[in-house]
Amino acid sequence: MDTFSHALWGKGLFGYRKYRWFSIFFGALPDLLSFGLYFLFSVLISSDAFQAGKPSLDEIPIWVFRLYDFSHSIVIALIFILIVYRFNKDFCFPMLAWPLHILLDFPTHSKAYFPTPIFWPISDFKFDGIPWSNPYIWFANVFCILIIFIYRKK
């Protein structure tokens, strides 16, 4: 799923209590930690010319894959949430957008391109899902986001 949709899902489901705007950040966090840093690296540091669109897997540095595994693990997300819970229970609610991101990615990424390592580092299990670029998944995603925001508005 695209990062913008994840941010909207986070805001729609976890952005109505204290620290509400952090739900947008935590909804997008897994992608920002991997692809966001890769984007910055490509634009600011890399001598390669930046190209729009999906890069081939051969072009992507290994550290992006490692950050993706780390940031897209529900195990890692829950560890961080539990640590924060000890210090600030209210802040944990918008942090739930992080595991939501992972749960949304899990069935919507195929094994061909960045499958979600949901239980990393405990297990390397990855599900071969239907890519979010599939029109059925994409339109269902947009429809559900609209429903959530209509519900929140009322």
Protein backbone atom coordinates (compact mmCIF):
# COMPACT_ATOMS: atom_id res chain seq x y z
CA MET A 1 0.00 0.00 0.00
CA ASP A 2 1.21 3.51 -0.62
CA THR A 3 2.61 5.60 2.22
CA PHE A 4 -0.07 8.28 1.91
CA SER A 5 -2.85 5.69 2.36
CA HIS A 6 -1.10 4.31 5.43
CA ALA A 7 -0.94 7.82 6.91
CA LEU A 8 -4.67 8.28 6.26
CA TRP A 9 -5.52 4.89 7.79
CA GLY A 10 -3.50 5.86 10.86
CA LYS A 11 -5.25 9.21 11.19
CA GLY A 12 -8.68 7.71 10.53
CA LEU A 13 -8.43 4.96 13.11
CA PHE A 14 -6.03 6.34 15.72
CA GLY A 15 -6.09 10.10 15.24
CA TYR A 16 -8.93 11.16 17.47
CA ARG A 17 -7.42 11.25 20.95
CA LYS A 18 -4.50 13.00 22.57
CA TYR A 19 -1.42 13.21 20.28
CA ARG A 20 -3.76 12.80 17.29
CA TRP A 21 -1.37 14.10 14.64
CA PHE A 22 1.26 11.51 15.56
CA SER A 23 -1.09 8.87 14.14
CA ILE A 24 -0.23 10.15 10.64
CA PHE A 25 3.48 9.81 11.37
CA PHE A 26 3.19 6.31 12.84
CA GLY A 27 0.94 5.21 9.97
CA ALA A 28 3.69 6.15 7.52
CA LEU A 29 6.69 5.27 9.74
CA PRO A 30 7.56 1.82 8.35
CA ASP A 31 7.80 3.18 4.81
CA LEU A 32 9.60 6.33 5.92
CA LEU A 33 12.28 4.29 7.71
CA SER A 34 13.04 2.24 4.62
CA PHE A 35 11.90 3.87 1.39
CA GLY A 36 11.90 7.41 2.77
CA LEU A 37 15.55 7.14 3.76
CA TYR A 38 16.35 5.52 0.41
CA PHE A 39 14.63 8.43 -1.36
CA LEU A 40 16.68 10.96 0.61
CA PHE A 41 19.85 8.97 -0.07
CA SER A 42 19.04 8.86 -3.80
CA VAL A 43 18.34 12.58 -4.02
CA LEU A 44 20.98 14.01 -1.68
CA ILE A 45 23.91 11.62 -1.55
CA SER A 46 23.88 9.18 -4.42
CA SER A 47 25.62 10.16 -7.63
CA ASP A 48 22.98 8.26 -9.60
CA ALA A 49 20.28 10.38 -11.16
CA PHE A 50 16.96 10.07 -9.37
CA GLN A 51 14.31 8.19 -11.34
CA ALA A 52 10.60 8.29 -10.59
CA GLY A 53 8.72 5.03 -10.30
CA LYS A 54 9.41 1.66 -8.77
CA PRO A 55 13.13 0.81 -8.81
CA SER A 56 14.24 -2.70 -9.67
CA LEU A 57 15.31 -4.87 -6.74
CA ASP A 58 18.88 -4.97 -8.10
CA GLU A 59 19.22 -1.17 -7.76
CA ILE A 60 18.15 -1.05 -4.11
CA PRO A 61 20.96 -1.22 -1.51
CA ILE A 62 20.89 -4.05 1.04
CA TRP A 63 20.42 -1.61 3.93
CA VAL A 64 16.98 -0.68 2.56
CA PHE A 65 15.93 -4.34 2.79
CA ARG A 66 17.23 -4.55 6.38
CA LEU A 67 15.38 -1.36 7.39
CA TYR A 68 12.26 -2.69 5.68
CA ASP A 69 12.47 -5.94 7.67
CA PHE A 70 12.96 -4.00 10.91
CA SER A 71 10.22 -1.42 10.33
CA HIS A 72 7.66 -3.88 8.92
CA SER A 73 7.86 -6.35 11.80
CA ILE A 74 4.90 -6.47 14.16
CA VAL A 75 7.28 -7.89 16.78
CA ILE A 76 9.47 -4.76 16.61
CA ALA A 77 6.47 -2.43 16.56
CA LEU A 78 4.95 -4.05 19.66
CA ILE A 79 8.27 -3.94 21.51
CA PHE A 80 8.51 -0.18 20.91
CA ILE A 81 4.87 0.35 21.88
CA LEU A 82 5.33 -1.61 25.11
CA ILE A 83 8.44 0.40 25.99
CA VAL A 84 6.61 3.69 25.40
CA TYR A 85 3.58 2.38 27.34
CA ARG A 86 5.68 2.23 30.50
CA PHE A 87 6.35 5.97 30.24
CA ASN A 88 3.36 7.50 28.46
CA LYS A 89 0.19 5.44 28.00
CA ASP A 90 -1.59 8.15 26.02
CA PHE A 91 1.13 8.28 23.38
CA CYS A 92 0.70 4.56 22.66
CA PHE A 93 -2.72 5.01 21.07
CA PRO A 94 -1.49 6.84 17.95
CA MET A 95 1.47 4.45 17.84
CA LEU A 96 -1.01 1.67 17.03
CA ALA A 97 -1.02 3.06 13.48
CA TRP A 98 2.41 1.38 13.10
CA PRO A 99 1.19 -2.22 13.57
CA LEU A 100 -1.90 -1.34 11.52
CA HIS A 101 0.44 -0.39 8.66
CA ILE A 102 2.07 -3.81 8.92
CA LEU A 103 -1.27 -5.63 9.05
CA LEU A 104 -2.42 -3.77 5.94
CA ASP A 105 0.82 -4.51 4.09
CA PHE A 106 0.89 -8.18 5.00
CA PRO A 107 -1.84 -9.31 2.56
CA THR A 108 -1.16 -6.57 -0.01
CA HIS A 109 2.47 -7.28 -0.88
CA SER A 110 3.51 -10.15 -3.12
CA LYS A 111 6.67 -12.15 -2.60
CA ALA A 112 7.96 -10.67 -5.87
CA TYR A 113 8.46 -7.17 -4.43
CA PHE A 114 9.03 -6.45 -0.73
CA PRO A 115 6.89 -9.06 1.02
CA THR A 116 6.11 -8.07 4.60
CA PRO A 117 8.25 -9.94 7.19
CA ILE A 118 5.52 -9.74 9.83
CA PHE A 119 7.28 -11.82 12.51
CA TRP A 120 10.89 -10.76 11.90
CA PRO A 121 13.33 -11.47 13.67
CA ILE A 122 11.55 -14.47 15.19
CA SER A 123 10.53 -15.90 11.83
CA ASP A 124 11.28 -15.15 8.19
CA PHE A 125 7.71 -16.03 7.20
CA LYS A 126 6.34 -13.92 4.35
CA PHE A 127 2.91 -14.15 2.78
CA ASP A 128 2.43 -13.97 -0.98
CA GLY A 129 -0.37 -11.43 -1.10
CA ILE A 130 -2.18 -9.50 -3.79
CA PRO A 131 -0.24 -6.31 -4.60
CA TRP A 132 -1.96 -3.09 -3.57
CA SER A 133 -1.52 -1.86 -7.15
CA ASN A 134 -4.22 -4.35 -8.16
CA PRO A 135 -7.30 -2.23 -9.03
CA TYR A 136 -9.58 -4.24 -6.71
CA ILE A 137 -7.28 -3.66 -3.76
CA TRP A 138 -6.58 -0.02 -4.65
CA PHE A 139 -10.24 0.96 -5.05
CA ALA A 140 -11.24 -0.98 -1.93
CA ASN A 141 -8.51 0.88 -0.03
CA VAL A 142 -9.75 4.29 -1.21
CA PHE A 143 -13.37 3.35 -0.49
CA CYS A 144 -12.56 2.18 3.06
CA ILE A 145 -10.53 5.31 3.81
CA LEU A 146 -13.45 7.47 2.64
CA ILE A 147 -15.87 5.50 4.83
CA ILE A 148 -13.61 5.92 7.87
CA PHE A 149 -13.35 9.69 7.39
CA ILE A 150 -17.08 10.07 6.72
CA TYR A 151 -17.73 8.14 9.93
CA ARG A 152 -15.26 10.33 11.88
CA LYS A 153 -16.88 13.49 10.49
CA LYS A 154 -20.30 12.44 11.81
